[in-house]
Amino acid sequence: MWVLMKLLAVAALVVVMRSPSGTNALTCGDAISALIPCGPFLLGSAAAPEPNAQCCSNVQSLNEQARDTATRRALCQCLKQSGPSYGVKPDRARLLPSDCKITLQIPISPNVDCSR
């Protein structure tokens, strides 16, 4: 339960992390907030053997919004750094794209080089 509260606190920080320029740029906070419904799956909850529909909808939306290389690289770095601090299980994170029916050009791994 405390992990869910931690994720919700991050969502509240999205307001702080948004770009003040008023652009529609996708931020790290946006991505983390969008992945909150994926929390039980990504954290390895036995009650969540697969991602729920809201999780997959948000993952698909993030994938569509991250259109350019710079945004994808930034999101890669964001999720690579923040995942471990939330207790995301790498094996679950690797399953998320296929479970949510999206194709990524890079592998999901704690060792991925986000600059490529």
PDB file of N, CA and C in Angstrom:
ATOM      1  N   MET A   1       0.822  -1.192   0.000  1.00  0.00           N
ATOM      2  CA  MET A   1       0.000   0.000   0.000  1.00  0.00           C
ATOM      3  C   MET A   1       0.872   1.263   0.000  1.00  0.00           C
ATOM      4  N   TRP A   2       1.987   1.227   0.739  1.00  0.00           N
ATOM      5  CA  TRP A   2       2.856   2.409   0.797  1.00  0.00           C
ATOM      6  C   TRP A   2       3.460   2.707  -0.562  1.00  0.00           C
ATOM      7  N   VAL A   3       3.679   1.656  -1.381  1.00  0.00           N
ATOM      8  CA  VAL A   3       4.238   1.870  -2.713  1.00  0.00           C
ATOM      9  C   VAL A   3       3.229   2.622  -3.576  1.00  0.00           C
ATOM     10  N   LEU A   4       1.954   2.250  -3.468  1.00  0.00           N
ATOM     11  CA  LEU A   4       0.923   2.954  -4.222  1.00  0.00           C
ATOM     12  C   LEU A   4       0.850   4.410  -3.792  1.00  0.00           C
ATOM     13  N   MET A   5       0.985   4.665  -2.496  1.00  0.00           N
ATOM     14  CA  MET A   5       0.977   6.040  -2.002  1.00  0.00           C
ATOM     15  C   MET A   5       2.189   6.803  -2.558  1.00  0.00           C
ATOM     16  N   LYS A   6       3.322   6.126  -2.648  1.00  0.00           N
ATOM     17  CA  LYS A   6       4.523   6.751  -3.201  1.00  0.00           C
ATOM     18  C   LYS A   6       4.302   7.120  -4.664  1.00  0.00           C
ATOM     19  N   LEU A   7       3.675   6.211  -5.416  1.00  0.00           N
ATOM     20  CA  LEU A   7       3.383   6.492  -6.819  1.00  0.00           C
ATOM     21  C   LEU A   7       2.410   7.654  -6.956  1.00  0.00           C
ATOM     22  N   LEU A   8       1.421   7.714  -6.086  1.00  0.00           N
ATOM     23  CA  LEU A   8       0.463   8.824  -6.134  1.00  0.00           C
ATOM     24  C   LEU A   8       1.140  10.144  -5.792  1.00  0.00           C
ATOM     25  N   ALA A   9       2.100  10.103  -4.891  1.00  0.00           N
ATOM     26  CA  ALA A   9       2.833  11.323  -4.564  1.00  0.00           C
ATOM     27  C   ALA A   9       3.611  11.822  -5.772  1.00  0.00           C
ATOM     28  N   VAL A  10       4.152  10.900  -6.539  1.00  0.00           N
ATOM     29  CA  VAL A  10       4.863  11.291  -7.756  1.00  0.00           C
ATOM     30  C   VAL A  10       3.897  11.944  -8.732  1.00  0.00           C
ATOM     31  N   ALA A  11       2.714  11.397  -8.837  1.00  0.00           N
ATOM     32  CA  ALA A  11       1.717  11.991  -9.734  1.00  0.00           C
ATOM     33  C   ALA A  11       1.420  13.429  -9.330  1.00  0.00           C
ATOM     34  N   ALA A  12       1.392  13.673  -8.042  1.00  0.00           N
ATOM     35  CA  ALA A  12       1.147  15.032  -7.572  1.00  0.00           C
ATOM     36  C   ALA A  12       2.296  15.964  -7.956  1.00  0.00           C
ATOM     37  N   LEU A  13       3.492  15.411  -8.069  1.00  0.00           N
ATOM     38  CA  LEU A  13       4.650  16.220  -8.445  1.00  0.00           C
ATOM     39  C   LEU A  13       4.670  16.566  -9.931  1.00  0.00           C
ATOM     40  N   VAL A  14       3.836  15.930 -10.703  1.00  0.00           N
ATOM     41  CA  VAL A  14       3.800  16.201 -12.136  1.00  0.00           C
ATOM     42  C   VAL A  14       3.582  17.685 -12.395  1.00  0.00           C
ATOM     43  N   VAL A  15       2.767  18.310 -11.586  1.00  0.00           N
ATOM     44  CA  VAL A  15       2.506  19.739 -11.753  1.00  0.00           C
ATOM     45  C   VAL A  15       3.800  20.526 -11.643  1.00  0.00           C
ATOM     46  N   VAL A  16       4.655  20.136 -10.721  1.00  0.00           N
ATOM     47  CA  VAL A  16       5.920  20.825 -10.523  1.00  0.00           C
ATOM     48  C   VAL A  16       6.876  20.559 -11.679  1.00  0.00           C
ATOM     49  N   MET A  17       6.826  19.352 -12.240  1.00  0.00           N
ATOM     50  CA  MET A  17       7.783  18.954 -13.264  1.00  0.00           C
ATOM     51  C   MET A  17       7.382  19.399 -14.668  1.00  0.00           C
ATOM     52  N   ARG A  18       6.194  19.872 -14.850  1.00  0.00           N
ATOM     53  CA  ARG A  18       5.752  20.287 -16.185  1.00  0.00           C
ATOM     54  C   ARG A  18       6.566  21.481 -16.670  1.00  0.00           C
ATOM     55  N   SER A  19       6.750  21.529 -17.946  1.00  0.00           N
ATOM     56  CA  SER A  19       7.494  22.623 -18.550  1.00  0.00           C
ATOM     57  C   SER A  19       6.720  23.918 -18.421  1.00  0.00           C
ATOM     58  N   PRO A  20       7.314  24.969 -17.909  1.00  0.00           N
ATOM     59  CA  PRO A  20       6.606  26.229 -17.755  1.00  0.00           C
ATOM     60  C   PRO A  20       6.367  26.945 -19.081  1.00  0.00           C
ATOM     61  N   SER A  21       6.964  26.461 -20.150  1.00  0.00           N
ATOM     62  CA  SER A  21       6.835  27.136 -21.429  1.00  0.00           C
ATOM     63  C   SER A  21       5.472  26.942 -22.065  1.00  0.00           C
ATOM     64  N   GLY A  22       4.661  26.034 -21.494  1.00  0.00           N
ATOM     65  CA  GLY A  22       3.339  25.818 -22.043  1.00  0.00           C
ATOM     66  C   GLY A  22       3.335  24.897 -23.254  1.00  0.00           C
ATOM     67  N   THR A  23       4.462  24.260 -23.545  1.00  0.00           N
ATOM     68  CA  THR A  23       4.495  23.345 -24.668  1.00  0.00           C
ATOM     69  C   THR A  23       3.793  22.046 -24.297  1.00  0.00           C
ATOM     70  N   ASN A  24       3.545  21.255 -25.302  1.00  0.00           N
ATOM     71  CA  ASN A  24       2.912  19.966 -25.076  1.00  0.00           C
ATOM     72  C   ASN A  24       3.945  18.856 -24.945  1.00  0.00           C
ATOM     73  N   ALA A  25       5.167  19.214 -24.596  1.00  0.00           N
ATOM     74  CA  ALA A  25       6.239  18.228 -24.470  1.00  0.00           C
ATOM     75  C   ALA A  25       5.903  17.225 -23.376  1.00  0.00           C
ATOM     76  N   LEU A  26       6.176  15.980 -23.670  1.00  0.00           N
ATOM     77  CA  LEU A  26       5.965  14.893 -22.727  1.00  0.00           C
ATOM     78  C   LEU A  26       7.111  14.920 -21.723  1.00  0.00           C
ATOM     79  N   THR A  27       6.792  14.963 -20.454  1.00  0.00           N
ATOM     80  CA  THR A  27       7.823  15.047 -19.419  1.00  0.00           C
ATOM     81  C   THR A  27       7.983  13.714 -18.698  1.00  0.00           C
ATOM     82  N   CYS A  28       9.032  13.621 -17.923  1.00  0.00           N
ATOM     83  CA  CYS A  28       9.253  12.449 -17.084  1.00  0.00           C
ATOM     84  C   CYS A  28       8.085  12.278 -16.118  1.00  0.00           C
ATOM     85  N   GLY A  29       7.639  13.364 -15.552  1.00  0.00           N
ATOM     86  CA  GLY A  29       6.500  13.309 -14.638  1.00  0.00           C
ATOM     87  C   GLY A  29       5.241  12.799 -15.310  1.00  0.00           C
ATOM     88  N   ASP A  30       5.021  13.211 -16.569  1.00  0.00           N
ATOM     89  CA  ASP A  30       3.868  12.712 -17.329  1.00  0.00           C
ATOM     90  C   ASP A  30       3.935  11.193 -17.460  1.00  0.00           C
ATOM     91  N   ALA A  31       5.123  10.706 -17.805  1.00  0.00           N
ATOM     92  CA  ALA A  31       5.302   9.275 -18.016  1.00  0.00           C
ATOM     93  C   ALA A  31       5.077   8.497 -16.721  1.00  0.00           C
ATOM     94  N   ILE A  32       5.653   8.962 -15.648  1.00  0.00           N
ATOM     95  CA  ILE A  32       5.488   8.274 -14.362  1.00  0.00           C
ATOM     96  C   ILE A  32       4.027   8.295 -13.940  1.00  0.00           C
ATOM     97  N   SER A  33       3.396   9.419 -14.098  1.00  0.00           N
ATOM     98  CA  SER A  33       1.980   9.526 -13.761  1.00  0.00           C
ATOM     99  C   SER A  33       1.138   8.562 -14.594  1.00  0.00           C
ATOM    100  N   ALA A  34       1.430   8.488 -15.881  1.00  0.00           N
ATOM    101  CA  ALA A  34       0.675   7.598 -16.770  1.00  0.00           C
ATOM    102  C   ALA A  34       0.863   6.134 -16.390  1.00  0.00           C
ATOM    103  N   LEU A  35       2.004   5.809 -15.811  1.00  0.00           N
ATOM    104  CA  LEU A  35       2.285   4.413 -15.471  1.00  0.00           C
ATOM    105  C   LEU A  35       1.768   3.989 -14.098  1.00  0.00           C
ATOM    106  N   ILE A  36       1.151   4.882 -13.371  1.00  0.00           N
ATOM    107  CA  ILE A  36       0.613   4.525 -12.048  1.00  0.00           C
ATOM    108  C   ILE A  36      -0.337   3.326 -12.117  1.00  0.00           C
ATOM    109  N   PRO A  37      -1.243   3.251 -13.099  1.00  0.00           N
ATOM    110  CA  PRO A  37      -2.111   2.064 -13.159  1.00  0.00           C
ATOM    111  C   PRO A  37      -1.342   0.758 -13.403  1.00  0.00           C
ATOM    112  N   CYS A  38      -0.100   0.864 -13.850  1.00  0.00           N
ATOM    113  CA  CYS A  38       0.733  -0.320 -14.090  1.00  0.00           C
ATOM    114  C   CYS A  38       1.455  -0.767 -12.824  1.00  0.00           C
ATOM    115  N   GLY A  39       1.368   0.023 -11.772  1.00  0.00           N
ATOM    116  CA  GLY A  39       2.102  -0.251 -10.542  1.00  0.00           C
ATOM    117  C   GLY A  39       1.981  -1.665 -10.019  1.00  0.00           C
ATOM    118  N   PRO A  40       0.770  -2.176  -9.809  1.00  0.00           N
ATOM    119  CA  PRO A  40       0.666  -3.538  -9.268  1.00  0.00           C
ATOM    120  C   PRO A  40       1.366  -4.582 -10.138  1.00  0.00           C
ATOM    121  N   PHE A  41       1.251  -4.439 -11.451  1.00  0.00           N
ATOM    122  CA  PHE A  41       1.921  -5.381 -12.353  1.00  0.00           C
ATOM    123  C   PHE A  41       3.435  -5.202 -12.281  1.00  0.00           C
ATOM    124  N   LEU A  42       3.911  -3.959 -12.404  1.00  0.00           N
ATOM    125  CA  LEU A  42       5.348  -3.697 -12.439  1.00  0.00           C
ATOM    126  C   LEU A  42       6.046  -4.030 -11.124  1.00  0.00           C
ATOM    127  N   LEU A  43       5.310  -3.959 -10.029  1.00  0.00           N
ATOM    128  CA  LEU A  43       5.895  -4.260  -8.725  1.00  0.00           C
ATOM    129  C   LEU A  43       5.827  -5.740  -8.387  1.00  0.00           C
ATOM    130  N   GLY A  44       5.170  -6.523  -9.254  1.00  0.00           N
ATOM    131  CA  GLY A  44       5.138  -7.967  -9.076  1.00  0.00           C
ATOM    132  C   GLY A  44       4.051  -8.482  -8.165  1.00  0.00           C
ATOM    133  N   SER A  45       2.974  -7.744  -8.007  1.00  0.00           N
ATOM    134  CA  SER A  45       1.874  -8.194  -7.155  1.00  0.00           C
ATOM    135  C   SER A  45       1.299  -9.497  -7.706  1.00  0.00           C
ATOM    136  N   ALA A  46       1.136 -10.474  -6.835  1.00  0.00           N
ATOM    137  CA  ALA A  46       0.551 -11.751  -7.240  1.00  0.00           C
ATOM    138  C   ALA A  46      -0.882 -11.555  -7.742  1.00  0.00           C
ATOM    139  N   ALA A  47      -1.539 -10.508  -7.258  1.00  0.00           N
ATOM    140  CA  ALA A  47      -2.911 -10.222  -7.683  1.00  0.00           C
ATOM    141  C   ALA A  47      -2.961  -9.594  -9.075  1.00  0.00           C
ATOM    142  N   ALA A  48      -1.795  -9.229  -9.629  1.00  0.00           N
ATOM    143  CA  ALA A  48      -1.738  -8.596 -10.949  1.00  0.00           C
ATOM    144  C   ALA A  48      -0.762  -9.360 -11.849  1.00  0.00           C
ATOM    145  N   PRO A  49      -1.175 -10.557 -12.318  1.00  0.00           N
ATOM    146  CA  PRO A  49      -0.271 -11.334 -13.166  1.00  0.00           C
ATOM    147  C   PRO A  49      -0.098 -10.754 -14.566  1.00  0.00           C
ATOM    148  N   GLU A  50      -0.927  -9.784 -14.908  1.00  0.00           N
ATOM    149  CA  GLU A  50      -0.804  -9.099 -16.195  1.00  0.00           C
ATOM    150  C   GLU A  50      -1.253  -7.655 -16.023  1.00  0.00           C
ATOM    151  N   PRO A  51      -0.809  -6.766 -16.902  1.00  0.00           N
ATOM    152  CA  PRO A  51      -1.217  -5.363 -16.772  1.00  0.00           C
ATOM    153  C   PRO A  51      -2.705  -5.199 -17.050  1.00  0.00           C
ATOM    154  N   ASN A  52      -3.333  -4.271 -16.338  1.00  0.00           N
ATOM    155  CA  ASN A  52      -4.760  -4.039 -16.535  1.00  0.00           C
ATOM    156  C   ASN A  52      -5.003  -3.179 -17.780  1.00  0.00           C
ATOM    157  N   ALA A  53      -6.258  -3.058 -18.168  1.00  0.00           N
ATOM    158  CA  ALA A  53      -6.613  -2.328 -19.396  1.00  0.00           C
ATOM    159  C   ALA A  53      -6.185  -0.867 -19.342  1.00  0.00           C
ATOM    160  N   GLN A  54      -6.341  -0.202 -18.193  1.00  0.00           N
ATOM    161  CA  GLN A  54      -5.946   1.208 -18.080  1.00  0.00           C
ATOM    162  C   GLN A  54      -4.443   1.356 -18.230  1.00  0.00           C
ATOM    163  N   CYS A  55      -3.708   0.440 -17.653  1.00  0.00           N
ATOM    164  CA  CYS A  55      -2.250   0.447 -17.795  1.00  0.00           C
ATOM    165  C   CYS A  55      -1.876   0.381 -19.270  1.00  0.00           C
ATOM    166  N   CYS A  56      -2.417  -0.595 -19.978  1.00  0.00           N
ATOM    167  CA  CYS A  56      -2.061  -0.765 -21.392  1.00  0.00           C
ATOM    168  C   CYS A  56      -2.512   0.419 -22.237  1.00  0.00           C
ATOM    169  N   SER A  57      -3.652   0.971 -21.935  1.00  0.00           N
ATOM    170  CA  SER A  57      -4.115   2.150 -22.661  1.00  0.00           C
ATOM    171  C   SER A  57      -3.128   3.299 -22.475  1.00  0.00           C
ATOM    172  N   ASN A  58      -2.662   3.493 -21.250  1.00  0.00           N
ATOM    173  CA  ASN A  58      -1.698   4.558 -20.968  1.00  0.00           C
ATOM    174  C   ASN A  58      -0.348   4.287 -21.618  1.00  0.00           C
ATOM    175  N   VAL A  59       0.091   3.039 -21.615  1.00  0.00           N
ATOM    176  CA  VAL A  59       1.362   2.678 -22.251  1.00  0.00           C
ATOM    177  C   VAL A  59       1.277   2.956 -23.754  1.00  0.00           C
ATOM    178  N   GLN A  60       0.178   2.579 -24.372  1.00  0.00           N
ATOM    179  CA  GLN A  60      -0.007   2.823 -25.804  1.00  0.00           C
ATOM    180  C   GLN A  60      -0.021   4.326 -26.093  1.00  0.00           C
ATOM    181  N   SER A  61      -0.677   5.081 -25.243  1.00  0.00           N
ATOM    182  CA  SER A  61      -0.731   6.532 -25.418  1.00  0.00           C
ATOM    183  C   SER A  61       0.659   7.163 -25.272  1.00  0.00           C
ATOM    184  N   LEU A  62       1.422   6.734 -24.273  1.00  0.00           N
ATOM    185  CA  LEU A  62       2.791   7.233 -24.110  1.00  0.00           C
ATOM    186  C   LEU A  62       3.627   6.941 -25.348  1.00  0.00           C
ATOM    187  N   ASN A  63       3.484   5.740 -25.861  1.00  0.00           N
ATOM    188  CA  ASN A  63       4.242   5.358 -27.045  1.00  0.00           C
ATOM    189  C   ASN A  63       3.884   6.254 -28.234  1.00  0.00           C
ATOM    190  N   GLU A  64       2.623   6.582 -28.381  1.00  0.00           N
ATOM    191  CA  GLU A  64       2.183   7.452 -29.473  1.00  0.00           C
ATOM    192  C   GLU A  64       2.655   8.895 -29.273  1.00  0.00           C
ATOM    193  N   GLN A  65       2.682   9.356 -28.035  1.00  0.00           N
ATOM    194  CA  GLN A  65       3.081  10.731 -27.750  1.00  0.00           C
ATOM    195  C   GLN A  65       4.591  10.953 -27.893  1.00  0.00           C
ATOM    196  N   ALA A  66       5.360   9.927 -27.654  1.00  0.00           N
ATOM    197  CA  ALA A  66       6.825  10.036 -27.739  1.00  0.00           C
ATOM    198  C   ALA A  66       7.239   9.820 -29.183  1.00  0.00           C
ATOM    199  N   ARG A  67       7.010  10.822 -30.014  1.00  0.00           N
ATOM    200  CA  ARG A  67       7.196  10.684 -31.460  1.00  0.00           C
ATOM    201  C   ARG A  67       8.639  10.880 -31.908  1.00  0.00           C
ATOM    202  N   ASP A  68       9.340  11.788 -31.270  1.00  0.00           N
ATOM    203  CA  ASP A  68      10.678  12.101 -31.769  1.00  0.00           C
ATOM    204  C   ASP A  68      11.759  11.424 -30.930  1.00  0.00           C
ATOM    205  N   THR A  69      12.920  11.318 -31.514  1.00  0.00           N
ATOM    206  CA  THR A  69      14.039  10.624 -30.883  1.00  0.00           C
ATOM    207  C   THR A  69      14.424  11.252 -29.543  1.00  0.00           C
ATOM    208  N   ALA A  70      14.461  12.570 -29.484  1.00  0.00           N
ATOM    209  CA  ALA A  70      14.863  13.243 -28.241  1.00  0.00           C
ATOM    210  C   ALA A  70      13.901  12.908 -27.104  1.00  0.00           C
ATOM    211  N   THR A  71      12.615  12.894 -27.381  1.00  0.00           N
ATOM    212  CA  THR A  71      11.623  12.574 -26.346  1.00  0.00           C
ATOM    213  C   THR A  71      11.767  11.127 -25.910  1.00  0.00           C
ATOM    214  N   ARG A  72      11.941  10.228 -26.867  1.00  0.00           N
ATOM    215  CA  ARG A  72      12.097   8.809 -26.529  1.00  0.00           C
ATOM    216  C   ARG A  72      13.351   8.584 -25.678  1.00  0.00           C
ATOM    217  N   ARG A  73      14.424   9.257 -26.027  1.00  0.00           N
ATOM    218  CA  ARG A  73      15.657   9.112 -25.238  1.00  0.00           C
ATOM    219  C   ARG A  73      15.465   9.640 -23.823  1.00  0.00           C
ATOM    220  N   ALA A  74      14.805  10.778 -23.701  1.00  0.00           N
ATOM    221  CA  ALA A  74      14.569  11.369 -22.380  1.00  0.00           C
ATOM    222  C   ALA A  74      13.679  10.467 -21.533  1.00  0.00           C
ATOM    223  N   LEU A  75      12.642   9.909 -22.142  1.00  0.00           N
ATOM    224  CA  LEU A  75      11.756   9.014 -21.395  1.00  0.00           C
ATOM    225  C   LEU A  75      12.473   7.720 -21.015  1.00  0.00           C
ATOM    226  N   CYS A  76      13.297   7.226 -21.906  1.00  0.00           N
ATOM    227  CA  CYS A  76      14.093   6.042 -21.599  1.00  0.00           C
ATOM    228  C   CYS A  76      14.940   6.295 -20.351  1.00  0.00           C
ATOM    229  N   GLN A  77      15.642   7.414 -20.342  1.00  0.00           N
ATOM    230  CA  GLN A  77      16.502   7.754 -19.202  1.00  0.00           C
ATOM    231  C   GLN A  77      15.683   7.941 -17.929  1.00  0.00           C
ATOM    232  N   CYS A  78      14.560   8.611 -18.054  1.00  0.00           N
ATOM    233  CA  CYS A  78      13.677   8.846 -16.912  1.00  0.00           C
ATOM    234  C   CYS A  78      13.238   7.524 -16.280  1.00  0.00           C
ATOM    235  N   LEU A  79      12.727   6.635 -17.118  1.00  0.00           N
ATOM    236  CA  LEU A  79      12.187   5.371 -16.605  1.00  0.00           C
ATOM    237  C   LEU A  79      13.298   4.441 -16.135  1.00  0.00           C
ATOM    238  N   LYS A  80      14.433   4.504 -16.784  1.00  0.00           N
ATOM    239  CA  LYS A  80      15.585   3.696 -16.362  1.00  0.00           C
ATOM    240  C   LYS A  80      16.040   4.109 -14.962  1.00  0.00           C
ATOM    241  N   GLN A  81      16.048   5.416 -14.703  1.00  0.00           N
ATOM    242  CA  GLN A  81      16.492   5.911 -13.399  1.00  0.00           C
ATOM    243  C   GLN A  81      15.420   5.770 -12.323  1.00  0.00           C
ATOM    244  N   SER A  82      14.163   6.015 -12.669  1.00  0.00           N
ATOM    245  CA  SER A  82      13.120   6.024 -11.644  1.00  0.00           C
ATOM    246  C   SER A  82      12.577   4.636 -11.321  1.00  0.00           C
ATOM    247  N   GLY A  83      12.607   3.721 -12.269  1.00  0.00           N
ATOM    248  CA  GLY A  83      12.060   2.378 -12.037  1.00  0.00           C
ATOM    249  C   GLY A  83      12.585   1.700 -10.786  1.00  0.00           C
ATOM    250  N   PRO A  84      13.905   1.602 -10.624  1.00  0.00           N
ATOM    251  CA  PRO A  84      14.433   0.936  -9.433  1.00  0.00           C
ATOM    252  C   PRO A  84      14.030   1.615  -8.120  1.00  0.00           C
ATOM    253  N   SER A  85      13.922   2.933  -8.136  1.00  0.00           N
ATOM    254  CA  SER A  85      13.563   3.625  -6.891  1.00  0.00           C
ATOM    255  C   SER A  85      12.135   3.318  -6.452  1.00  0.00           C
ATOM    256  N   TYR A  86      11.294   2.885  -7.388  1.00  0.00           N
ATOM    257  CA  TYR A  86       9.912   2.509  -7.056  1.00  0.00           C
ATOM    258  C   TYR A  86       9.756   1.015  -6.844  1.00  0.00           C
ATOM    259  N   GLY A  87      10.823   0.273  -7.052  1.00  0.00           N
ATOM    260  CA  GLY A  87      10.755  -1.174  -6.855  1.00  0.00           C
ATOM    261  C   GLY A  87      10.236  -1.939  -8.063  1.00  0.00           C
ATOM    262  N   VAL A  88      10.323  -1.324  -9.247  1.00  0.00           N
ATOM    263  CA  VAL A  88       9.868  -1.999 -10.464  1.00  0.00           C
ATOM    264  C   VAL A  88      10.747  -3.214 -10.712  1.00  0.00           C
ATOM    265  N   LYS A  89      10.105  -4.339 -10.972  1.00  0.00           N
ATOM    266  CA  LYS A  89      10.819  -5.579 -11.261  1.00  0.00           C
ATOM    267  C   LYS A  89      11.172  -5.597 -12.754  1.00  0.00           C
ATOM    268  N   PRO A  90      12.470  -5.678 -13.082  1.00  0.00           N
ATOM    269  CA  PRO A  90      12.891  -5.633 -14.487  1.00  0.00           C
ATOM    270  C   PRO A  90      12.203  -6.671 -15.375  1.00  0.00           C
ATOM    271  N   ASP A  91      11.969  -7.880 -14.836  1.00  0.00           N
ATOM    272  CA  ASP A  91      11.324  -8.909 -15.655  1.00  0.00           C
ATOM    273  C   ASP A  91       9.891  -8.513 -16.003  1.00  0.00           C
ATOM    274  N   ARG A  92       9.214  -7.839 -15.095  1.00  0.00           N
ATOM    275  CA  ARG A  92       7.854  -7.363 -15.373  1.00  0.00           C
ATOM    276  C   ARG A  92       7.894  -6.209 -16.375  1.00  0.00           C
ATOM    277  N   ALA A  93       8.855  -5.303 -16.224  1.00  0.00           N
ATOM    278  CA  ALA A  93       8.968  -4.169 -17.148  1.00  0.00           C
ATOM    279  C   ALA A  93       9.227  -4.665 -18.570  1.00  0.00           C
ATOM    280  N   ARG A  94      10.027  -5.726 -18.713  1.00  0.00           N
ATOM    281  CA  ARG A  94      10.309  -6.290 -20.036  1.00  0.00           C
ATOM    282  C   ARG A  94       9.052  -6.832 -20.710  1.00  0.00           C
ATOM    283  N   LEU A  95       8.104  -7.321 -19.926  1.00  0.00           N
ATOM    284  CA  LEU A  95       6.864  -7.894 -20.467  1.00  0.00           C
ATOM    285  C   LEU A  95       5.848  -6.833 -20.885  1.00  0.00           C
ATOM    286  N   LEU A  96       5.962  -5.646 -20.333  1.00  0.00           N
ATOM    287  CA  LEU A  96       4.943  -4.614 -20.548  1.00  0.00           C
ATOM    288  C   LEU A  96       4.674  -4.292 -22.020  1.00  0.00           C
ATOM    289  N   PRO A  97       5.697  -4.060 -22.859  1.00  0.00           N
ATOM    290  CA  PRO A  97       5.394  -3.748 -24.265  1.00  0.00           C
ATOM    291  C   PRO A  97       4.608  -4.855 -24.974  1.00  0.00           C
ATOM    292  N   SER A  98       5.034  -6.096 -24.836  1.00  0.00           N
ATOM    293  CA  SER A  98       4.327  -7.178 -25.529  1.00  0.00           C
ATOM    294  C   SER A  98       2.945  -7.407 -24.931  1.00  0.00           C
ATOM    295  N   ASP A  99       2.831  -7.341 -23.611  1.00  0.00           N
ATOM    296  CA  ASP A  99       1.521  -7.517 -22.972  1.00  0.00           C
ATOM    297  C   ASP A  99       0.547  -6.423 -23.387  1.00  0.00           C
ATOM    298  N   CYS A 100       1.071  -5.228 -23.648  1.00  0.00           N
ATOM    299  CA  CYS A 100       0.223  -4.091 -24.036  1.00  0.00           C
ATOM    300  C   CYS A 100       0.201  -3.866 -25.551  1.00  0.00           C
ATOM    301  N   LYS A 101       0.794  -4.801 -26.262  1.00  0.00           N
ATOM    302  CA  LYS A 101       0.740  -4.809 -27.731  1.00  0.00           C
ATOM    303  C   LYS A 101       1.331  -3.562 -28.387  1.00  0.00           C
ATOM    304  N   ILE A 102       2.529  -3.202 -27.922  1.00  0.00           N
ATOM    305  CA  ILE A 102       3.277  -2.137 -28.591  1.00  0.00           C
ATOM    306  C   ILE A 102       4.652  -2.686 -28.960  1.00  0.00           C
ATOM    307  N   THR A 103       5.260  -2.060 -29.942  1.00  0.00           N
ATOM    308  CA  THR A 103       6.600  -2.448 -30.372  1.00  0.00           C
ATOM    309  C   THR A 103       7.550  -1.305 -30.065  1.00  0.00           C
ATOM    310  N   LEU A 104       8.627  -1.630 -29.388  1.00  0.00           N
ATOM    311  CA  LEU A 104       9.665  -0.647 -29.085  1.00  0.00           C
ATOM    312  C   LEU A 104      10.922  -1.023 -29.844  1.00  0.00           C
ATOM    313  N   GLN A 105      11.697  -0.025 -30.202  1.00  0.00           N
ATOM    314  CA  GLN A 105      12.932  -0.250 -30.941  1.00  0.00           C
ATOM    315  C   GLN A 105      14.107  -0.564 -30.025  1.00  0.00           C
ATOM    316  N   ILE A 106      13.921  -0.422 -28.724  1.00  0.00           N
ATOM    317  CA  ILE A 106      14.991  -0.700 -27.769  1.00  0.00           C
ATOM    318  C   ILE A 106      14.508  -1.727 -26.759  1.00  0.00           C
ATOM    319  N   PRO A 107      15.413  -2.517 -26.216  1.00  0.00           N
ATOM    320  CA  PRO A 107      15.000  -3.477 -25.196  1.00  0.00           C
ATOM    321  C   PRO A 107      14.731  -2.782 -23.867  1.00  0.00           C
ATOM    322  N   ILE A 108      13.844  -3.356 -23.096  1.00  0.00           N
ATOM    323  CA  ILE A 108      13.575  -2.861 -21.747  1.00  0.00           C
ATOM    324  C   ILE A 108      14.559  -3.583 -20.831  1.00  0.00           C
ATOM    325  N   SER A 109      15.498  -2.829 -20.303  1.00  0.00           N
ATOM    326  CA  SER A 109      16.550  -3.414 -19.469  1.00  0.00           C
ATOM    327  C   SER A 109      17.153  -2.322 -18.603  1.00  0.00           C
ATOM    328  N   PRO A 110      17.566  -2.674 -17.388  1.00  0.00           N
ATOM    329  CA  PRO A 110      18.235  -1.677 -16.550  1.00  0.00           C
ATOM    330  C   PRO A 110      19.581  -1.240 -17.132  1.00  0.00           C
ATOM    331  N   ASN A 111      20.095  -1.987 -18.093  1.00  0.00           N
ATOM    332  CA  ASN A 111      21.396  -1.691 -18.689  1.00  0.00           C
ATOM    333  C   ASN A 111      21.308  -1.070 -20.074  1.00  0.00           C
ATOM    334  N   VAL A 112      20.104  -0.727 -20.510  1.00  0.00           N
ATOM    335  CA  VAL A 112      19.934  -0.174 -21.855  1.00  0.00           C
ATOM    336  C   VAL A 112      20.666   1.158 -21.990  1.00  0.00           C
ATOM    337  N   ASP A 113      21.230   1.389 -23.164  1.00  0.00           N
ATOM    338  CA  ASP A 113      21.891   2.655 -23.456  1.00  0.00           C
ATOM    339  C   ASP A 113      20.851   3.564 -24.105  1.00  0.00           C
ATOM    340  N   CYS A 114      20.326   4.494 -23.350  1.00  0.00           N
ATOM    341  CA  CYS A 114      19.248   5.365 -23.828  1.00  0.00           C
ATOM    342  C   CYS A 114      19.708   6.361 -24.888  1.00  0.00           C
ATOM    343  N   SER A 115      20.996   6.503 -25.066  1.00  0.00           N
ATOM    344  CA  SER A 115      21.487   7.466 -26.064  1.00  0.00           C
ATOM    345  C   SER A 115      21.449   6.898 -27.491  1.00  0.00           C
ATOM    346  N   ARG A 116      21.149   5.641 -27.619  1.00  0.00           N
ATOM    347  CA  ARG A 116      21.135   5.004 -28.953  1.00  0.00           C
ATOM    348  C   ARG A 116      19.755   4.868 -29.508  1.00  0.00           C
TER     349      ARG A 116
END
